[in-house]
């Protein structure tokens, strides 16, 4: 059984910063991909960023590239999303994602609201 636990969401003013974290537990393969998706009200769930466990391969959505940074602690099966220069359009529920050879897993989601 795999579980993803997220933390770090909240309310922030435009231009501010937040950091999200997600820790995976259970049967975790050493080779995997972890990342973040987000879903705004009335919209589809979209990729924010995803990083492989090895090789340093990280993909960012165009809308966040240069403002958001993903980092991983493979030993702790944890991924972080550092969000800077936040905009109101970044408001969404952010979901942690884990892709393994046999299945995909999702966290419960954490709300990020960017508003003055």
Protein backbone atom coordinates (compact mmCIF):
# COMPACT_ATOMS: atom_id res chain seq x y z
CA UNK A 1 0.00 0.00 0.00
CA UNK A 2 1.36 3.38 -1.03
CA UNK A 3 0.37 6.60 0.69
CA UNK A 4 1.22 10.19 -0.22
CA UNK A 5 0.95 12.86 2.45
CA UNK A 6 1.10 16.51 1.44
CA UNK A 7 1.60 19.64 3.50
CA UNK A 8 2.28 23.32 3.09
CA UNK A 9 -0.71 24.84 1.36
CA UNK A 10 -2.40 28.02 2.47
CA UNK A 11 -3.22 31.62 1.68
CA UNK A 12 -0.56 33.94 0.28
CA UNK A 13 -0.56 37.37 -1.28
CA UNK A 14 0.36 37.88 -4.93
CA UNK A 15 4.11 37.93 -5.34
CA UNK A 16 4.59 35.78 -2.26
CA UNK A 17 6.10 32.34 -1.80
CA UNK A 18 5.00 28.97 -0.50
CA UNK A 19 6.58 25.56 -0.24
CA UNK A 20 4.68 22.30 -0.55
CA UNK A 21 6.04 18.95 0.51
CA UNK A 22 4.90 15.41 -0.14
CA UNK A 23 6.21 12.22 1.43
CA UNK A 24 5.53 8.78 0.02
CA UNK A 25 5.37 5.71 2.22
CA UNK A 26 4.80 2.02 1.60
CA UNK A 27 6.15 0.01 -1.32
CA UNK A 28 8.26 2.62 -3.09
CA UNK A 29 10.44 1.59 -6.02
CA UNK A 30 13.85 3.19 -6.23
CA UNK A 31 13.11 4.21 -9.81
CA UNK A 32 10.01 6.36 -10.04
CA UNK A 33 8.72 9.79 -10.90
CA UNK A 34 7.21 12.20 -8.41
CA UNK A 35 5.58 15.48 -9.15
CA UNK A 36 2.77 17.92 -8.69
CA UNK A 37 -0.46 18.56 -10.52
CA UNK A 38 -3.04 21.24 -9.81
CA UNK A 39 -6.72 21.71 -10.41
CA UNK A 40 -8.51 25.03 -10.33
CA UNK A 41 -12.31 25.22 -9.92
CA UNK A 42 -14.05 24.23 -13.13
CA UNK A 43 -10.81 23.22 -14.83
CA UNK A 44 -8.96 20.01 -15.56
CA UNK A 45 -6.09 18.71 -13.46
CA UNK A 46 -2.87 19.87 -15.09
CA UNK A 47 0.78 19.03 -14.65
CA UNK A 48 2.84 21.54 -12.67
CA UNK A 49 6.17 19.72 -12.51
CA UNK A 50 7.49 16.19 -12.40
CA UNK A 51 10.92 14.81 -11.52
CA UNK A 52 12.46 11.39 -11.99
CA UNK A 53 14.19 9.73 -9.05
CA UNK A 54 17.48 9.50 -10.94
CA UNK A 55 19.04 11.38 -13.80
CA UNK A 56 17.92 14.84 -12.81
CA UNK A 57 15.15 14.94 -15.38
CA UNK A 58 12.56 17.56 -14.41
CA UNK A 59 9.72 18.88 -16.53
CA UNK A 60 7.82 22.07 -15.74
CA UNK A 61 4.62 23.50 -17.11
CA UNK A 62 5.25 26.63 -19.16
CA UNK A 63 3.05 28.62 -16.80
CA UNK A 64 5.32 27.98 -13.81
CA UNK A 65 8.77 27.66 -15.35
CA UNK A 66 11.15 30.16 -13.79
CA UNK A 67 8.90 30.70 -10.75
CA UNK A 68 8.48 27.19 -9.32
CA UNK A 69 11.24 24.73 -8.47
CA UNK A 70 10.99 21.05 -7.64
CA UNK A 71 13.49 19.25 -5.45
CA UNK A 72 13.63 15.68 -4.22
CA UNK A 73 15.03 13.83 -1.23
CA UNK A 74 15.13 10.28 -2.56
CA UNK A 75 16.28 8.82 0.76
CA UNK A 76 13.13 10.20 2.40
CA UNK A 77 10.85 9.63 -0.63
CA UNK A 78 9.94 13.29 -0.39
CA UNK A 79 9.37 15.91 -3.02
CA UNK A 80 9.16 19.66 -2.52
CA UNK A 81 7.58 22.36 -4.63
CA UNK A 82 9.08 25.79 -4.05
CA UNK A 83 6.67 28.39 -5.41
CA UNK A 84 7.82 31.98 -5.88
CA UNK A 85 6.25 35.07 -7.45
CA UNK A 86 2.83 33.55 -6.96
CA UNK A 87 -0.06 34.87 -9.03
CA UNK A 88 -3.83 34.69 -8.46
CA UNK A 89 -4.03 32.25 -11.38
CA UNK A 90 -1.89 29.82 -9.37
CA UNK A 91 -4.84 29.34 -7.03
CA UNK A 92 -5.79 25.66 -7.12
CA UNK A 93 -5.75 22.40 -5.24
CA UNK A 94 -2.27 20.94 -5.63
CA UNK A 95 -1.94 17.17 -5.80
CA UNK A 96 1.17 15.14 -5.24
CA UNK A 97 1.71 12.39 -7.81
CA UNK A 98 3.82 9.24 -7.83
CA UNK A 99 4.37 7.11 -10.91
CA UNK A 100 5.84 3.67 -10.39
CA UNK A 101 6.37 0.75 -12.80
CA UNK A 102 3.11 -0.90 -11.77
CA UNK A 103 0.76 1.93 -10.79
CA UNK A 104 0.16 5.62 -10.23
CA UNK A 105 -0.75 7.24 -6.92
CA UNK A 106 -2.22 10.56 -5.82
CA UNK A 107 -2.18 12.56 -2.64
CA UNK A 108 -5.31 14.00 -1.08
CA UNK A 109 -4.58 17.51 -2.32
CA UNK A 110 -3.70 20.76 -0.58
CA UNK A 111 -5.29 24.13 -1.27
CA UNK A 112 -3.16 27.04 -2.42
CA UNK A 113 -4.91 30.41 -2.59
CA UNK A 114 -3.19 33.50 -3.96
CA UNK A 115 -5.17 36.59 -3.07
CA UNK A 116 -4.77 40.04 -1.58
